[in-house]
Amino acid sequence: MAKHIGIVACSAEGAALCYRTICAEAPLQMGEHMHPEISMHTHPLGEYMVHIRAGNWKDVA
């Protein structure tokens, strides 16, 4: 398993779900109380929503 992974998110709910899932599942692979080092970067969801509402999927990507 990776020693350091990153989460790139645009919603608090999605970021929290990813983080909690990693921390809950990692001990099965890494041992009790263990999980990889995790870095998180979040873009504001509002910046994406402008393009989503306009149907501009190129700029969403």
N, C-alpha and C. Protein backbone atom coordinates (compact mmCIF):
# COMPACT_ATOMS: atom_id res chain seq x y z
N MET A 1 0.85 -1.19 0.00
CA MET A 1 0.00 0.00 0.00
C MET A 1 0.89 1.24 0.00
N ALA A 2 0.39 2.30 -0.59
CA ALA A 2 1.12 3.55 -0.66
C ALA A 2 1.41 4.10 0.73
N LYS A 3 2.56 4.73 0.85
CA LYS A 3 2.92 5.34 2.13
C LYS A 3 2.39 6.75 2.27
N HIS A 4 2.13 7.41 1.14
CA HIS A 4 1.60 8.77 1.15
C HIS A 4 0.68 8.91 -0.05
N ILE A 5 -0.54 9.29 0.20
CA ILE A 5 -1.49 9.48 -0.89
C ILE A 5 -2.12 10.86 -0.76
N GLY A 6 -2.72 11.31 -1.85
CA GLY A 6 -3.36 12.62 -1.84
C GLY A 6 -4.83 12.51 -2.21
N ILE A 7 -5.61 13.40 -1.67
CA ILE A 7 -7.02 13.53 -2.01
C ILE A 7 -7.19 14.93 -2.60
N VAL A 8 -7.73 14.99 -3.80
CA VAL A 8 -8.09 16.27 -4.41
C VAL A 8 -9.61 16.30 -4.43
N ALA A 9 -10.19 17.31 -3.82
CA ALA A 9 -11.63 17.33 -3.64
C ALA A 9 -12.21 18.70 -3.98
N CYS A 10 -13.52 18.72 -4.17
CA CYS A 10 -14.20 20.00 -4.36
C CYS A 10 -15.44 20.10 -3.47
N SER A 11 -15.65 19.12 -2.60
CA SER A 11 -16.73 19.25 -1.61
C SER A 11 -16.24 18.66 -0.29
N ALA A 12 -16.67 19.26 0.78
CA ALA A 12 -16.28 18.78 2.11
C ALA A 12 -16.80 17.37 2.34
N GLU A 13 -18.02 17.10 1.85
CA GLU A 13 -18.62 15.79 2.06
C GLU A 13 -17.81 14.70 1.34
N GLY A 14 -17.43 14.96 0.09
CA GLY A 14 -16.65 13.99 -0.67
C GLY A 14 -15.27 13.78 -0.08
N ALA A 15 -14.63 14.87 0.32
CA ALA A 15 -13.30 14.78 0.92
C ALA A 15 -13.35 13.99 2.22
N ALA A 16 -14.35 14.27 3.03
CA ALA A 16 -14.48 13.57 4.31
C ALA A 16 -14.73 12.08 4.11
N LEU A 17 -15.57 11.75 3.13
CA LEU A 17 -15.85 10.35 2.85
C LEU A 17 -14.59 9.61 2.41
N CYS A 18 -13.81 10.23 1.52
CA CYS A 18 -12.56 9.60 1.07
C CYS A 18 -11.61 9.40 2.24
N TYR A 19 -11.43 10.44 3.04
CA TYR A 19 -10.51 10.37 4.18
C TYR A 19 -10.93 9.28 5.17
N ARG A 20 -12.20 9.28 5.52
CA ARG A 20 -12.70 8.30 6.49
C ARG A 20 -12.59 6.87 5.96
N THR A 21 -12.86 6.69 4.67
CA THR A 21 -12.76 5.37 4.07
C THR A 21 -11.33 4.87 4.08
N ILE A 22 -10.40 5.72 3.70
CA ILE A 22 -8.99 5.33 3.72
C ILE A 22 -8.56 4.94 5.13
N CYS A 23 -8.90 5.76 6.09
CA CYS A 23 -8.49 5.49 7.48
C CYS A 23 -9.17 4.24 8.05
N ALA A 24 -10.37 3.94 7.60
CA ALA A 24 -11.08 2.76 8.09
C ALA A 24 -10.57 1.48 7.44
N GLU A 25 -10.20 1.54 6.16
CA GLU A 25 -9.78 0.34 5.43
C GLU A 25 -8.29 0.04 5.54
N ALA A 26 -7.49 1.05 5.73
CA ALA A 26 -6.03 0.86 5.74
C ALA A 26 -5.52 -0.14 6.79
N PRO A 27 -6.06 -0.18 7.99
CA PRO A 27 -5.53 -1.13 8.98
C PRO A 27 -5.60 -2.59 8.52
N LEU A 28 -6.53 -2.90 7.64
CA LEU A 28 -6.61 -4.27 7.12
C LEU A 28 -5.36 -4.63 6.33
N GLN A 29 -4.76 -3.63 5.68
CA GLN A 29 -3.55 -3.84 4.89
C GLN A 29 -2.27 -3.52 5.65
N MET A 30 -2.35 -2.51 6.52
CA MET A 30 -1.14 -1.95 7.12
C MET A 30 -0.93 -2.31 8.59
N GLY A 31 -1.97 -2.77 9.23
CA GLY A 31 -1.85 -3.10 10.65
C GLY A 31 -2.68 -2.17 11.52
N GLU A 32 -2.89 -2.60 12.74
CA GLU A 32 -3.74 -1.87 13.68
C GLU A 32 -3.30 -0.42 13.85
N HIS A 33 -4.26 0.48 13.80
CA HIS A 33 -4.07 1.92 13.99
C HIS A 33 -3.20 2.57 12.91
N MET A 34 -3.02 1.92 11.78
CA MET A 34 -2.16 2.45 10.73
C MET A 34 -2.98 2.90 9.52
N HIS A 35 -2.51 3.95 8.88
CA HIS A 35 -3.03 4.39 7.58
C HIS A 35 -1.90 5.17 6.92
N PRO A 36 -1.96 5.34 5.60
CA PRO A 36 -0.90 6.09 4.94
C PRO A 36 -0.96 7.56 5.32
N GLU A 37 0.15 8.24 5.12
CA GLU A 37 0.13 9.69 5.27
C GLU A 37 -0.79 10.23 4.18
N ILE A 38 -1.65 11.17 4.54
CA ILE A 38 -2.65 11.69 3.61
C ILE A 38 -2.55 13.20 3.53
N SER A 39 -2.46 13.70 2.30
CA SER A 39 -2.53 15.14 2.05
C SER A 39 -3.83 15.41 1.32
N MET A 40 -4.42 16.56 1.62
CA MET A 40 -5.69 16.90 0.99
C MET A 40 -5.61 18.31 0.42
N HIS A 41 -6.13 18.47 -0.78
CA HIS A 41 -6.24 19.79 -1.39
C HIS A 41 -7.67 19.94 -1.88
N THR A 42 -8.30 21.04 -1.54
CA THR A 42 -9.68 21.23 -1.97
C THR A 42 -9.81 22.50 -2.79
N HIS A 43 -10.49 22.36 -3.92
CA HIS A 43 -10.87 23.50 -4.74
C HIS A 43 -12.27 23.90 -4.32
N PRO A 44 -12.60 25.19 -4.33
CA PRO A 44 -13.94 25.60 -3.97
C PRO A 44 -14.98 25.05 -4.96
N LEU A 45 -16.00 24.40 -4.45
CA LEU A 45 -17.05 23.85 -5.28
C LEU A 45 -17.70 24.94 -6.13
N GLY A 46 -17.82 26.14 -5.59
CA GLY A 46 -18.44 27.23 -6.33
C GLY A 46 -17.74 27.55 -7.64
N GLU A 47 -16.42 27.36 -7.69
CA GLU A 47 -15.69 27.61 -8.94
C GLU A 47 -16.07 26.59 -10.01
N TYR A 48 -16.36 25.38 -9.60
CA TYR A 48 -16.81 24.36 -10.55
C TYR A 48 -18.25 24.59 -10.98
N MET A 49 -19.09 25.02 -10.05
CA MET A 49 -20.52 25.14 -10.33
C MET A 49 -20.81 26.16 -11.42
N VAL A 50 -20.01 27.20 -11.52
CA VAL A 50 -20.20 28.19 -12.59
C VAL A 50 -20.15 27.49 -13.94
N HIS A 51 -19.17 26.63 -14.13
CA HIS A 51 -18.99 25.93 -15.41
C HIS A 51 -20.00 24.78 -15.58
N ILE A 52 -20.32 24.10 -14.50
CA ILE A 52 -21.30 23.01 -14.58
C ILE A 52 -22.66 23.57 -15.00
N ARG A 53 -23.09 24.65 -14.38
CA ARG A 53 -24.38 25.25 -14.71
C ARG A 53 -24.42 25.75 -16.15
N ALA A 54 -23.26 26.16 -16.68
CA ALA A 54 -23.19 26.64 -18.06
C ALA A 54 -23.02 25.48 -19.05
N GLY A 55 -22.87 24.25 -18.53
CA GLY A 55 -22.66 23.10 -19.41
C GLY A 55 -21.29 23.10 -20.06
N ASN A 56 -20.35 23.80 -19.47
CA ASN A 56 -19.01 23.93 -20.00
C ASN A 56 -18.10 22.89 -19.36
N TRP A 57 -18.22 21.65 -19.79
CA TRP A 57 -17.52 20.54 -19.16
C TRP A 57 -16.02 20.57 -19.40
N LYS A 58 -15.60 21.22 -20.46
CA LYS A 58 -14.15 21.35 -20.70
C LYS A 58 -13.49 22.12 -19.56
N ASP A 59 -14.13 23.22 -19.15
CA ASP A 59 -13.56 24.02 -18.05
C ASP A 59 -13.72 23.35 -16.69
N VAL A 60 -14.70 22.48 -16.55
CA VAL A 60 -14.82 21.70 -15.32
C VAL A 60 -13.60 20.80 -15.17
N ALA A 61 -13.22 20.18 -16.26
CA ALA A 61 -12.05 19.28 -16.25
C ALA A 61 -10.79 20.06 -15.99
